[in-house]
Amino acid sequence: MLTFIGHRLIQLIPLLIAISIISFVLIQLPPGDYLTTYIQQLELAGTDVSEGTVQSLKAQYGLDQPMYVQYLIWIKNIVLHGDFGRSFTWNEPVSDVIGERLGLTVVISICTLIFTWIVAIPIGIYSAVRQYSFMDYIFTFVGFIGLALPNFLIALVAIYTVFVNTGVALTGLFSPEYATAPWSFAKIIDLLKHIWIPTLIIGTSGTAGLIRVMRGMLLDELQKQYVITARAKGVREQTLLFKYPVRMAINPLISTIGWTLPAIISGEAIVSIVLNLPTTGPMLLDALMTQDMYLAGSFILILSILTVIGTLISDILLAWVDPRIRFGGVEE
């Protein structure tokens, strides 16, 4: 197992280098840069910006260097000093700007992932074992609704319904008295009181999708010869179900961790705007619109790294659940 993990970690090094290059280049592709937007704002405000001022601003923000020089400086500072650069819009280090927001986003993502698995796996197993039963049709119907409705629409309906009937606003992750307060045990408790709302809303579509995957895979496993043989030998149904078919059927769910983590984070952007959540989604959107390259580039790099980490976790869990994958990966 250690050999398998070491093999995967070595493969990550060139992959991460390529991801960092692609992330930085993608931010540079749109025409113009942050100064273009900044100068337009100054001119709209009636400020005359001379060519000398433009060149001075470029030197100040480090935009007078070639793209590859800017990249090398950026990646060197990240690797050696953990410095992701300075946000042009906020005029603060990127790490300070995204620190708390990224932490809250990760917490919501983990809660959502746990919620989807806790709900989807039992329902998927029940639907497969009780195929074409009344509850199977109910779960299928609800699942299709969950897949069809976008999360932001569910958020809008939930906000409107609750506010009309109770006068309570579902927006935000904290009560007003804790929104700007320093972290404390009371603030953590307040966060836990509010975090279940975005968890339910963001996790709806993911849960619906995983239910369909789990049901389909388990149905396929239950029709295989080894299950039929085990039943003929008198193996108890519950023992048979959880010893082999469920373990095999859960493999595709484990493999989805690689894209589930970044999908949750990127998918919550619109929901965060609707629910007014202090997470990375709205800030990433704003950074892309203003071409704040170090802030946006850091976001894209972090999302890409989360994909890689999620894939690594998937590989390790799959190798643990199914030894055939582990031995096959080492032989490669």
C-alpha atoms as a PDB file:
ATOM      1  CA  MET A   1       0.000   0.000   0.000  1.00  0.00           C
ATOM      2  CA  LEU A   2       2.836   2.409   0.848  1.00  0.00           C
ATOM      3  CA  THR A   3       4.470   1.649  -2.506  1.00  0.00           C
ATOM      4  CA  PHE A   4       1.190   2.399  -4.266  1.00  0.00           C
ATOM      5  CA  ILE A   5       0.785   5.737  -2.436  1.00  0.00           C
ATOM      6  CA  GLY A   6       4.423   6.697  -3.113  1.00  0.00           C
ATOM      7  CA  HIS A   7       3.978   5.914  -6.805  1.00  0.00           C
ATOM      8  CA  ARG A   8       0.915   8.185  -6.964  1.00  0.00           C
ATOM      9  CA  LEU A   9       2.660  11.020  -5.073  1.00  0.00           C
ATOM     10  CA  ILE A  10       5.600  10.992  -7.508  1.00  0.00           C
ATOM     11  CA  GLN A  11       3.170  11.288 -10.412  1.00  0.00           C
ATOM     12  CA  LEU A  12       1.644  14.403  -8.836  1.00  0.00           C
ATOM     13  CA  ILE A  13       4.812  16.540  -9.126  1.00  0.00           C
ATOM     14  CA  PRO A  14       4.805  17.118 -12.917  1.00  0.00           C
ATOM     15  CA  LEU A  15       1.014  17.313 -12.846  1.00  0.00           C
ATOM     16  CA  LEU A  16       1.012  20.146 -10.300  1.00  0.00           C
ATOM     17  CA  ILE A  17       3.657  22.042 -12.288  1.00  0.00           C
ATOM     18  CA  ALA A  18       1.552  21.759 -15.450  1.00  0.00           C
ATOM     19  CA  ILE A  19      -1.573  22.839 -13.548  1.00  0.00           C
ATOM     20  CA  SER A  20       0.151  25.954 -12.177  1.00  0.00           C
ATOM     21  CA  ILE A  21       1.291  26.973 -15.681  1.00  0.00           C
ATOM     22  CA  ILE A  22      -2.154  26.411 -17.195  1.00  0.00           C
ATOM     23  CA  SER A  23      -3.861  28.299 -14.339  1.00  0.00           C
ATOM     24  CA  PHE A  24      -1.629  31.341 -14.812  1.00  0.00           C
ATOM     25  CA  VAL A  25      -1.937  31.319 -18.605  1.00  0.00           C
ATOM     26  CA  LEU A  26      -5.741  31.062 -18.450  1.00  0.00           C
ATOM     27  CA  ILE A  27      -5.931  34.230 -16.375  1.00  0.00           C
ATOM     28  CA  GLN A  28      -3.735  36.057 -18.898  1.00  0.00           C
ATOM     29  CA  LEU A  29      -5.731  34.979 -21.971  1.00  0.00           C
ATOM     30  CA  PRO A  30      -8.559  37.578 -21.874  1.00  0.00           C
ATOM     31  CA  PRO A  31      -7.588  40.892 -23.519  1.00  0.00           C
ATOM     32  CA  GLY A  32      -6.408  43.616 -21.161  1.00  0.00           C
ATOM     33  CA  ASP A  33      -5.567  43.269 -17.500  1.00  0.00           C
ATOM     34  CA  TYR A  34      -6.516  44.701 -14.120  1.00  0.00           C
ATOM     35  CA  LEU A  35      -5.081  48.091 -15.054  1.00  0.00           C
ATOM     36  CA  THR A  36      -7.384  48.270 -18.063  1.00  0.00           C
ATOM     37  CA  THR A  37     -10.411  48.084 -15.798  1.00  0.00           C
ATOM     38  CA  TYR A  38      -8.817  50.352 -13.192  1.00  0.00           C
ATOM     39  CA  ILE A  39      -7.947  53.059 -15.726  1.00  0.00           C
ATOM     40  CA  GLN A  40     -11.445  52.913 -17.210  1.00  0.00           C
ATOM     41  CA  GLN A  41     -12.883  53.484 -13.737  1.00  0.00           C
ATOM     42  CA  LEU A  42     -10.572  56.483 -13.226  1.00  0.00           C
ATOM     43  CA  GLU A  43     -11.545  57.971 -16.582  1.00  0.00           C
ATOM     44  CA  LEU A  44     -15.251  57.470 -15.861  1.00  0.00           C
ATOM     45  CA  ALA A  45     -14.687  59.309 -12.590  1.00  0.00           C
ATOM     46  CA  GLY A  46     -13.222  62.232 -14.566  1.00  0.00           C
ATOM     47  CA  THR A  47      -9.539  61.589 -13.796  1.00  0.00           C
ATOM     48  CA  ASP A  48      -7.157  62.102 -16.699  1.00  0.00           C
ATOM     49  CA  VAL A  49      -4.646  59.210 -16.852  1.00  0.00           C
ATOM     50  CA  SER A  50      -1.442  59.992 -18.734  1.00  0.00           C
ATOM     51  CA  GLU A  51       0.845  57.461 -20.421  1.00  0.00           C
ATOM     52  CA  GLY A  52       3.470  58.084 -17.747  1.00  0.00           C
ATOM     53  CA  THR A  53       0.942  57.230 -15.050  1.00  0.00           C
ATOM     54  CA  VAL A  54       0.028  54.023 -16.895  1.00  0.00           C
ATOM     55  CA  GLN A  55       3.666  52.946 -17.095  1.00  0.00           C
ATOM     56  CA  SER A  56       4.158  53.789 -13.427  1.00  0.00           C
ATOM     57  CA  LEU A  57       1.135  51.694 -12.467  1.00  0.00           C
ATOM     58  CA  LYS A  58       2.369  48.771 -14.572  1.00  0.00           C
ATOM     59  CA  ALA A  59       5.722  48.868 -12.789  1.00  0.00           C
ATOM     60  CA  GLN A  60       3.963  49.140  -9.421  1.00  0.00           C
ATOM     61  CA  TYR A  61       1.810  46.064 -10.076  1.00  0.00           C
ATOM     62  CA  GLY A  62       4.587  44.144 -11.843  1.00  0.00           C
ATOM     63  CA  LEU A  63       2.686  44.067 -15.140  1.00  0.00           C
ATOM     64  CA  ASP A  64       5.582  45.483 -17.164  1.00  0.00           C
ATOM     65  CA  GLN A  65       7.328  42.089 -17.143  1.00  0.00           C
ATOM     66  CA  PRO A  66       6.817  39.320 -19.737  1.00  0.00           C
ATOM     67  CA  MET A  67       4.248  36.671 -18.850  1.00  0.00           C
ATOM     68  CA  TYR A  68       6.820  33.951 -18.134  1.00  0.00           C
ATOM     69  CA  VAL A  69       8.704  36.267 -15.750  1.00  0.00           C
ATOM     70  CA  GLN A  70       5.486  37.076 -13.911  1.00  0.00           C
ATOM     71  CA  TYR A  71       4.735  33.341 -13.644  1.00  0.00           C
ATOM     72  CA  LEU A  72       8.203  32.443 -12.354  1.00  0.00           C
ATOM     73  CA  ILE A  73       8.033  35.154  -9.700  1.00  0.00           C
ATOM     74  CA  TRP A  74       4.535  34.064  -8.682  1.00  0.00           C
ATOM     75  CA  ILE A  75       5.292  30.336  -8.449  1.00  0.00           C
ATOM     76  CA  LYS A  76       8.644  30.923  -6.723  1.00  0.00           C
ATOM     77  CA  ASN A  77       6.970  32.979  -4.012  1.00  0.00           C
ATOM     78  CA  ILE A  78       4.274  30.294  -3.559  1.00  0.00           C
ATOM     79  CA  VAL A  79       6.736  27.404  -3.250  1.00  0.00           C
ATOM     80  CA  LEU A  80       9.381  29.153  -1.137  1.00  0.00           C
ATOM     81  CA  HIS A  81       7.338  31.570   0.949  1.00  0.00           C
ATOM     82  CA  GLY A  82       3.690  30.495   0.656  1.00  0.00           C
ATOM     83  CA  ASP A  83       3.014  33.922  -0.891  1.00  0.00           C
ATOM     84  CA  PHE A  84       0.277  33.840  -3.545  1.00  0.00           C
ATOM     85  CA  GLY A  85       0.861  37.455  -4.538  1.00  0.00           C
ATOM     86  CA  ARG A  86      -1.067  40.624  -3.803  1.00  0.00           C
ATOM     87  CA  SER A  87      -4.664  41.218  -4.769  1.00  0.00           C
ATOM     88  CA  PHE A  88      -4.964  44.325  -6.917  1.00  0.00           C
ATOM     89  CA  THR A  89      -8.601  44.919  -5.989  1.00  0.00           C
ATOM     90  CA  TRP A  90      -8.216  44.463  -2.236  1.00  0.00           C
ATOM     91  CA  ASN A  91      -4.631  45.770  -2.067  1.00  0.00           C
ATOM     92  CA  GLU A  92      -3.842  42.973   0.383  1.00  0.00           C
ATOM     93  CA  PRO A  93      -1.953  39.653   0.200  1.00  0.00           C
ATOM     94  CA  VAL A  94      -4.064  37.007  -1.519  1.00  0.00           C
ATOM     95  CA  SER A  95      -3.613  34.618   1.421  1.00  0.00           C
ATOM     96  CA  ASP A  96      -5.171  37.195   3.762  1.00  0.00           C
ATOM     97  CA  VAL A  97      -8.051  37.882   1.382  1.00  0.00           C
ATOM     98  CA  ILE A  98      -9.056  34.265   0.784  1.00  0.00           C
ATOM     99  CA  GLY A  99      -7.977  32.731   4.110  1.00  0.00           C
ATOM    100  CA  GLU A 100     -11.232  32.739   6.078  1.00  0.00           C
ATOM    101  CA  ARG A 101     -13.415  32.442   2.976  1.00  0.00           C
ATOM    102  CA  LEU A 102     -11.514  29.380   1.789  1.00  0.00           C
ATOM    103  CA  GLY A 103     -11.804  27.803   5.232  1.00  0.00           C
ATOM    104  CA  LEU A 104     -15.577  28.327   5.302  1.00  0.00           C
ATOM    105  CA  THR A 105     -15.861  26.966   1.758  1.00  0.00           C
ATOM    106  CA  VAL A 106     -13.935  23.821   2.693  1.00  0.00           C
ATOM    107  CA  VAL A 107     -16.128  23.311   5.774  1.00  0.00           C
ATOM    108  CA  ILE A 108     -19.304  23.625   3.677  1.00  0.00           C
ATOM    109  CA  SER A 109     -17.839  21.294   1.041  1.00  0.00           C
ATOM    110  CA  ILE A 110     -16.935  18.594   3.573  1.00  0.00           C
ATOM    111  CA  CYS A 111     -20.343  18.853   5.261  1.00  0.00           C
ATOM    112  CA  THR A 112     -22.039  18.611   1.867  1.00  0.00           C
ATOM    113  CA  LEU A 113     -19.936  15.597   0.858  1.00  0.00           C
ATOM    114  CA  ILE A 114     -20.745  13.793   4.117  1.00  0.00           C
ATOM    115  CA  PHE A 115     -24.442  14.654   3.730  1.00  0.00           C
ATOM    116  CA  THR A 116     -24.621  13.327   0.153  1.00  0.00           C
ATOM    117  CA  TRP A 117     -22.945  10.047   1.079  1.00  0.00           C
ATOM    118  CA  ILE A 118     -24.987   9.474   4.249  1.00  0.00           C
ATOM    119  CA  VAL A 119     -28.233  10.026   2.329  1.00  0.00           C
ATOM    120  CA  ALA A 120     -27.381   8.608  -1.106  1.00  0.00           C
ATOM    121  CA  ILE A 121     -25.788   5.263  -0.199  1.00  0.00           C
ATOM    122  CA  PRO A 122     -28.615   3.872   2.026  1.00  0.00           C
ATOM    123  CA  ILE A 123     -31.317   5.080  -0.369  1.00  0.00           C
ATOM    124  CA  GLY A 124     -29.426   3.669  -3.365  1.00  0.00           C
ATOM    125  CA  ILE A 125     -29.075   0.290  -1.621  1.00  0.00           C
ATOM    126  CA  TYR A 126     -32.760   0.255  -0.655  1.00  0.00           C
ATOM    127  CA  SER A 127     -33.886   1.170  -4.183  1.00  0.00           C
ATOM    128  CA  ALA A 128     -31.745  -1.582  -5.705  1.00  0.00           C
ATOM    129  CA  VAL A 129     -32.869  -4.277  -3.248  1.00  0.00           C
ATOM    130  CA  ARG A 130     -36.515  -3.187  -3.498  1.00  0.00           C
ATOM    131  CA  GLN A 131     -36.495  -2.533  -7.242  1.00  0.00           C
ATOM    132  CA  TYR A 132     -39.829  -1.304  -8.675  1.00  0.00           C
ATOM    133  CA  SER A 133     -41.376  -1.014  -5.215  1.00  0.00           C
ATOM    134  CA  PHE A 134     -43.480   1.989  -4.261  1.00  0.00           C
ATOM    135  CA  MET A 135     -40.613   3.642  -2.348  1.00  0.00           C
ATOM    136  CA  ASP A 136     -38.232   2.964  -5.242  1.00  0.00           C
ATOM    137  CA  TYR A 137     -40.544   4.954  -7.529  1.00  0.00           C
ATOM    138  CA  ILE A 138     -40.757   7.733  -4.922  1.00  0.00           C
ATOM    139  CA  PHE A 139     -36.969   7.951  -4.559  1.00  0.00           C
ATOM    140  CA  THR A 140     -36.553   7.877  -8.349  1.00  0.00           C
ATOM    141  CA  PHE A 141     -39.075  10.688  -8.781  1.00  0.00           C
ATOM    142  CA  VAL A 142     -37.469  12.827  -6.073  1.00  0.00           C
ATOM    143  CA  GLY A 143     -34.027  12.075  -7.527  1.00  0.00           C
ATOM    144  CA  PHE A 144     -34.996  13.281 -10.975  1.00  0.00           C
ATOM    145  CA  ILE A 145     -36.401  16.480  -9.471  1.00  0.00           C
ATOM    146  CA  GLY A 146     -33.140  17.001  -7.603  1.00  0.00           C
ATOM    147  CA  LEU A 147     -31.154  16.550 -10.815  1.00  0.00           C
ATOM    148  CA  ALA A 148     -33.430  18.818 -12.837  1.00  0.00           C
ATOM    149  CA  LEU A 149     -33.656  21.786 -10.459  1.00  0.00           C
ATOM    150  CA  PRO A 150     -30.562  24.018 -10.236  1.00  0.00           C
ATOM    151  CA  ASN A 151     -29.301  24.659  -6.711  1.00  0.00           C
ATOM    152  CA  PHE A 152     -29.694  28.441  -6.923  1.00  0.00           C
ATOM    153  CA  LEU A 153     -33.388  28.031  -7.803  1.00  0.00           C
ATOM    154  CA  ILE A 154     -33.885  25.800  -4.763  1.00  0.00           C
ATOM    155  CA  ALA A 155     -32.128  28.473  -2.691  1.00  0.00           C
ATOM    156  CA  LEU A 156     -34.420  31.214  -4.029  1.00  0.00           C
ATOM    157  CA  VAL A 157     -37.555  29.148  -3.354  1.00  0.00           C
ATOM    158  CA  ALA A 158     -36.355  28.278   0.168  1.00  0.00           C
ATOM    159  CA  ILE A 159     -35.553  31.907   1.006  1.00  0.00           C
ATOM    160  CA  TYR A 160     -38.914  33.143  -0.302  1.00  0.00           C
ATOM    161  CA  THR A 161     -40.973  30.394   1.373  1.00  0.00           C
ATOM    162  CA  VAL A 162     -39.340  30.725   4.778  1.00  0.00           C
ATOM    163  CA  PHE A 163     -39.400  34.527   4.758  1.00  0.00           C
ATOM    164  CA  VAL A 164     -43.054  34.749   3.711  1.00  0.00           C
ATOM    165  CA  ASN A 165     -44.177  32.270   6.361  1.00  0.00           C
ATOM    166  CA  THR A 166     -41.879  33.135   9.255  1.00  0.00           C
ATOM    167  CA  GLY A 167     -40.236  36.481   8.439  1.00  0.00           C
ATOM    168  CA  VAL A 168     -36.809  34.872   8.971  1.00  0.00           C
ATOM    169  CA  ALA A 169     -34.076  35.396   6.355  1.00  0.00           C
ATOM    170  CA  LEU A 170     -32.036  32.290   5.527  1.00  0.00           C
ATOM    171  CA  THR A 171     -29.093  34.270   4.172  1.00  0.00           C
ATOM    172  CA  GLY A 172     -25.620  34.304   5.676  1.00  0.00           C
ATOM    173  CA  LEU A 173     -23.606  31.848   7.739  1.00  0.00           C
ATOM    174  CA  PHE A 174     -23.678  33.845  10.963  1.00  0.00           C
ATOM    175  CA  SER A 175     -26.094  35.831  13.070  1.00  0.00           C
ATOM    176  CA  PRO A 176     -25.575  39.629  12.805  1.00  0.00           C
ATOM    177  CA  GLU A 177     -23.759  39.816  16.140  1.00  0.00           C
ATOM    178  CA  TYR A 178     -21.206  37.189  15.046  1.00  0.00           C
ATOM    179  CA  ALA A 179     -20.695  38.202  11.401  1.00  0.00           C
ATOM    180  CA  THR A 180     -17.648  40.404  12.086  1.00  0.00           C
ATOM    181  CA  ALA A 181     -16.747  39.100  15.538  1.00  0.00           C
ATOM    182  CA  PRO A 182     -13.467  37.234  16.109  1.00  0.00           C
ATOM    183  CA  TRP A 183     -13.577  33.460  16.216  1.00  0.00           C
ATOM    184  CA  SER A 184     -14.779  31.956  19.485  1.00  0.00           C
ATOM    185  CA  PHE A 185     -16.649  28.887  20.687  1.00  0.00           C
ATOM    186  CA  ALA A 186     -19.921  30.840  20.541  1.00  0.00           C
ATOM    187  CA  LYS A 187     -19.225  31.825  16.915  1.00  0.00           C
ATOM    188  CA  ILE A 188     -18.541  28.194  15.985  1.00  0.00           C
ATOM    189  CA  ILE A 189     -21.852  27.147  17.554  1.00  0.00           C
ATOM    190  CA  ASP A 190     -23.586  29.925  15.616  1.00  0.00           C
ATOM    191  CA  LEU A 191     -21.945  28.671  12.393  1.00  0.00           C
ATOM    192  CA  LEU A 192     -23.211  25.145  13.041  1.00  0.00           C
ATOM    193  CA  LYS A 193     -26.743  26.539  13.459  1.00  0.00           C
ATOM    194  CA  HIS A 194     -26.620  28.103   9.984  1.00  0.00           C
ATOM    195  CA  ILE A 195     -24.425  25.751   7.948  1.00  0.00           C
ATOM    196  CA  TRP A 196     -27.084  23.060   7.472  1.00  0.00           C
ATOM    197  CA  ILE A 197     -29.055  25.338   5.109  1.00  0.00           C
ATOM    198  CA  PRO A 198     -26.383  25.670   2.380  1.00  0.00           C
ATOM    199  CA  THR A 199     -25.388  22.027   3.001  1.00  0.00           C
ATOM    200  CA  LEU A 200     -28.898  20.822   2.165  1.00  0.00           C
ATOM    201  CA  ILE A 201     -29.300  23.131  -0.827  1.00  0.00           C
ATOM    202  CA  ILE A 202     -25.875  22.518  -2.393  1.00  0.00           C
ATOM    203  CA  GLY A 203     -26.013  18.784  -1.698  1.00  0.00           C
ATOM    204  CA  THR A 204     -29.412  18.223  -3.329  1.00  0.00           C
ATOM    205  CA  SER A 205     -28.248  17.584  -6.890  1.00  0.00           C
ATOM    206  CA  GLY A 206     -25.191  15.619  -5.799  1.00  0.00           C
ATOM    207  CA  THR A 207     -27.308  13.380  -3.591  1.00  0.00           C
ATOM    208  CA  ALA A 208     -29.800  12.742  -6.389  1.00  0.00           C
ATOM    209  CA  GLY A 209     -27.008  11.811  -8.796  1.00  0.00           C
ATOM    210  CA  LEU A 210     -25.245   9.467  -6.368  1.00  0.00           C
ATOM    211  CA  ILE A 211     -28.514   7.690  -5.591  1.00  0.00           C
ATOM    212  CA  ARG A 212     -28.920   6.823  -9.279  1.00  0.00           C
ATOM    213  CA  VAL A 213     -25.297   5.681  -9.553  1.00  0.00           C
ATOM    214  CA  MET A 214     -25.475   3.521  -6.420  1.00  0.00           C
ATOM    215  CA  ARG A 215     -28.779   1.960  -7.465  1.00  0.00           C
ATOM    216  CA  GLY A 216     -27.604   1.159 -10.985  1.00  0.00           C
ATOM    217  CA  MET A 217     -24.248  -0.305  -9.932  1.00  0.00           C
ATOM    218  CA  LEU A 218     -25.769  -2.442  -7.165  1.00  0.00           C
ATOM    219  CA  LEU A 219     -28.460  -3.776  -9.507  1.00  0.00           C
ATOM    220  CA  ASP A 220     -25.707  -4.805 -11.899  1.00  0.00           C
ATOM    221  CA  GLU A 221     -23.758  -6.560  -9.122  1.00  0.00           C
ATOM    222  CA  LEU A 222     -26.837  -8.385  -7.792  1.00  0.00           C
ATOM    223  CA  GLN A 223     -27.344 -10.046 -11.178  1.00  0.00           C
ATOM    224  CA  LYS A 224     -23.821 -11.488 -11.363  1.00  0.00           C
ATOM    225  CA  GLN A 225     -23.111 -15.195 -11.037  1.00  0.00           C
ATOM    226  CA  TYR A 226     -21.260 -15.053  -7.716  1.00  0.00           C
ATOM    227  CA  VAL A 227     -24.332 -13.530  -6.027  1.00  0.00           C
ATOM    228  CA  ILE A 228     -26.633 -16.177  -7.510  1.00  0.00           C
ATOM    229  CA  THR A 229     -24.239 -18.935  -6.394  1.00  0.00           C
ATOM    230  CA  ALA A 230     -23.946 -17.526  -2.874  1.00  0.00           C
ATOM    231  CA  ARG A 231     -27.736 -17.396  -2.565  1.00  0.00           C
ATOM    232  CA  ALA A 232     -28.006 -20.983  -3.773  1.00  0.00           C
ATOM    233  CA  LYS A 233     -25.559 -22.023  -1.034  1.00  0.00           C
ATOM    234  CA  GLY A 234     -27.791 -20.422   1.581  1.00  0.00           C
ATOM    235  CA  VAL A 235     -25.762 -17.354   2.501  1.00  0.00           C
ATOM    236  CA  ARG A 236     -27.872 -14.904   4.503  1.00  0.00           C
ATOM    237  CA  GLU A 237     -29.139 -12.057   2.306  1.00  0.00           C
ATOM    238  CA  GLN A 238     -27.811  -9.283   4.534  1.00  0.00           C
ATOM    239  CA  THR A 239     -24.368 -10.896   4.826  1.00  0.00           C
ATOM    240  CA  LEU A 240     -24.212 -11.493   1.084  1.00  0.00           C
ATOM    241  CA  LEU A 241     -25.336  -7.952   0.274  1.00  0.00           C
ATOM    242  CA  PHE A 242     -22.780  -6.067   2.339  1.00  0.00           C
ATOM    243  CA  LYS A 243     -19.820  -8.424   1.962  1.00  0.00           C
ATOM    244  CA  TYR A 244     -19.399  -8.210  -1.815  1.00  0.00           C
ATOM    245  CA  PRO A 245     -22.059  -6.435  -3.965  1.00  0.00           C
ATOM    246  CA  VAL A 246     -22.142  -3.189  -1.940  1.00  0.00           C
ATOM    247  CA  ARG A 247     -18.326  -3.078  -1.767  1.00  0.00           C
ATOM    248  CA  MET A 248     -18.109  -3.426  -5.544  1.00  0.00           C
ATOM    249  CA  ALA A 249     -20.974  -1.028  -6.245  1.00  0.00           C
ATOM    250  CA  ILE A 250     -19.477   1.702  -4.077  1.00  0.00           C
ATOM    251  CA  ASN A 251     -16.298   1.901  -6.204  1.00  0.00           C
ATOM    252  CA  PRO A 252     -17.738   4.443  -8.692  1.00  0.00           C
ATOM    253  CA  LEU A 253     -18.849   6.646  -5.785  1.00  0.00           C
ATOM    254  CA  ILE A 254     -15.346   6.628  -4.338  1.00  0.00           C
ATOM    255  CA  SER A 255     -13.879   7.494  -7.726  1.00  0.00           C
ATOM    256  CA  THR A 256     -16.100  10.594  -7.932  1.00  0.00           C
ATOM    257  CA  ILE A 257     -14.352  12.255  -4.965  1.00  0.00           C
ATOM    258  CA  GLY A 258     -11.780  13.651  -7.412  1.00  0.00           C
ATOM    259  CA  TRP A 259     -14.333  15.856  -9.117  1.00  0.00           C
ATOM    260  CA  THR A 260     -16.836  16.163  -6.266  1.00  0.00           C
ATOM    261  CA  LEU A 261     -14.636  18.459  -4.117  1.00  0.00           C
ATOM    262  CA  PRO A 262     -14.026  21.151  -6.780  1.00  0.00           C
ATOM    263  CA  ALA A 263     -17.531  20.691  -8.190  1.00  0.00           C
ATOM    264  CA  ILE A 264     -19.050  21.488  -4.805  1.00  0.00           C
ATOM    265  CA  ILE A 265     -16.832  24.560  -4.414  1.00  0.00           C
ATOM    266  CA  SER A 266     -17.437  25.899  -7.926  1.00  0.00           C
ATOM    267  CA  GLY A 267     -21.090  24.849  -7.876  1.00  0.00           C
ATOM    268  CA  GLU A 268     -21.770  26.823  -4.719  1.00  0.00           C
ATOM    269  CA  ALA A 269     -20.763  30.130  -6.335  1.00  0.00           C
ATOM    270  CA  ILE A 270     -24.261  31.119  -7.477  1.00  0.00           C
ATOM    271  CA  VAL A 271     -25.830  29.645  -4.331  1.00  0.00           C
ATOM    272  CA  SER A 272     -23.399  31.713  -2.241  1.00  0.00           C
ATOM    273  CA  ILE A 273     -24.459  34.866  -4.073  1.00  0.00           C
ATOM    274  CA  VAL A 274     -28.150  34.040  -3.509  1.00  0.00           C
ATOM    275  CA  LEU A 275     -27.648  33.106   0.159  1.00  0.00           C
ATOM    276  CA  ASN A 276     -25.065  35.872   0.769  1.00  0.00           C
ATOM    277  CA  LEU A 277     -22.450  33.403   2.026  1.00  0.00           C
ATOM    278  CA  PRO A 278     -18.912  34.660   2.805  1.00  0.00           C
ATOM    279  CA  THR A 279     -17.276  31.919   0.705  1.00  0.00           C
ATOM    280  CA  THR A 280     -14.880  31.835  -2.240  1.00  0.00           C
ATOM    281  CA  GLY A 281     -17.506  31.638  -4.988  1.00  0.00           C
ATOM    282  CA  PRO A 282     -18.588  35.303  -5.133  1.00  0.00           C
ATOM    283  CA  MET A 283     -14.998  36.494  -4.645  1.00  0.00           C
ATOM    284  CA  LEU A 284     -13.740  34.286  -7.502  1.00  0.00           C
ATOM    285  CA  LEU A 285     -16.439  35.682  -9.784  1.00  0.00           C
ATOM    286  CA  ASP A 286     -15.477  39.236  -8.857  1.00  0.00           C
ATOM    287  CA  ALA A 287     -11.757  38.489  -9.357  1.00  0.00           C
ATOM    288  CA  LEU A 288     -12.419  37.126 -12.849  1.00  0.00           C
ATOM    289  CA  MET A 289     -14.555  40.134 -13.795  1.00  0.00           C
ATOM    290  CA  THR A 290     -11.920  42.633 -12.634  1.00  0.00           C
ATOM    291  CA  GLN A 291      -9.022  40.487 -13.989  1.00  0.00           C
ATOM    292  CA  ASP A 292      -7.335  40.452 -10.596  1.00  0.00           C
ATOM    293  CA  MET A 293      -4.844  37.896 -11.916  1.00  0.00           C
ATOM    294  CA  TYR A 294      -3.098  36.838  -8.699  1.00  0.00           C
ATOM    295  CA  LEU A 295      -6.370  36.442  -6.798  1.00  0.00           C
ATOM    296  CA  ALA A 296      -8.155  34.642  -9.647  1.00  0.00           C
ATOM    297  CA  GLY A 297      -5.074  32.577 -10.503  1.00  0.00           C
ATOM    298  CA  SER A 298      -4.711  31.459  -6.894  1.00  0.00           C
ATOM    299  CA  PHE A 299      -8.364  30.423  -6.796  1.00  0.00           C
ATOM    300  CA  ILE A 300      -8.048  28.382  -9.993  1.00  0.00           C
ATOM    301  CA  LEU A 301      -4.806  26.827  -8.769  1.00  0.00           C
ATOM    302  CA  ILE A 302      -6.383  25.871  -5.440  1.00  0.00           C
ATOM    303  CA  LEU A 303      -9.445  24.349  -7.170  1.00  0.00           C
ATOM    304  CA  SER A 304      -7.134  22.370  -9.447  1.00  0.00           C
ATOM    305  CA  ILE A 305      -5.063  21.166  -6.497  1.00  0.00           C
ATOM    306  CA  LEU A 306      -8.284  20.093  -4.764  1.00  0.00           C
ATOM    307  CA  THR A 307      -9.114  18.028  -7.849  1.00  0.00           C
ATOM    308  CA  VAL A 308      -5.698  16.367  -7.682  1.00  0.00           C
ATOM    309  CA  ILE A 309      -6.015  15.756  -3.927  1.00  0.00           C
ATOM    310  CA  GLY A 310      -9.515  14.370  -4.401  1.00  0.00           C
ATOM    311  CA  THR A 311      -8.255  12.034  -7.129  1.00  0.00           C
ATOM    312  CA  LEU A 312      -5.407  10.875  -4.878  1.00  0.00           C
ATOM    313  CA  ILE A 313      -7.868  10.192  -2.042  1.00  0.00           C
ATOM    314  CA  SER A 314     -10.065   8.280  -4.518  1.00  0.00           C
ATOM    315  CA  ASP A 315      -7.122   6.166  -5.659  1.00  0.00           C
ATOM    316  CA  ILE A 316      -6.106   5.333  -2.084  1.00  0.00           C
ATOM    317  CA  LEU A 317      -9.653   4.455  -1.011  1.00  0.00           C
ATOM    318  CA  LEU A 318     -10.233   2.370  -4.139  1.00  0.00           C
ATOM    319  CA  ALA A 319      -6.961   0.526  -3.579  1.00  0.00           C
ATOM    320  CA  TRP A 320      -7.984  -0.128   0.028  1.00  0.00           C
ATOM    321  CA  VAL A 321     -11.450  -1.366  -0.935  1.00  0.00           C
ATOM    322  CA  ASP A 322     -10.344  -3.337  -4.022  1.00  0.00           C
ATOM    323  CA  PRO A 323      -6.823  -4.883  -3.850  1.00  0.00           C
ATOM    324  CA  ARG A 324      -6.893  -5.554  -7.610  1.00  0.00           C
ATOM    325  CA  ILE A 325      -6.500  -1.807  -8.220  1.00  0.00           C
ATOM    326  CA  ARG A 326      -3.575  -1.578  -5.802  1.00  0.00           C
ATOM    327  CA  PHE A 327      -1.620  -4.409  -7.396  1.00  0.00           C
ATOM    328  CA  GLY A 328      -2.426  -3.193 -10.887  1.00  0.00           C
ATOM    329  CA  GLY A 329      -1.223   0.353 -10.017  1.00  0.00           C
ATOM    330  CA  VAL A 330       2.110  -0.932  -8.618  1.00  0.00           C
ATOM    331  CA  GLU A 331       2.763  -3.070 -11.680  1.00  0.00           C
ATOM    332  CA  GLU A 332       2.327  -0.036 -13.904  1.00  0.00           C
END
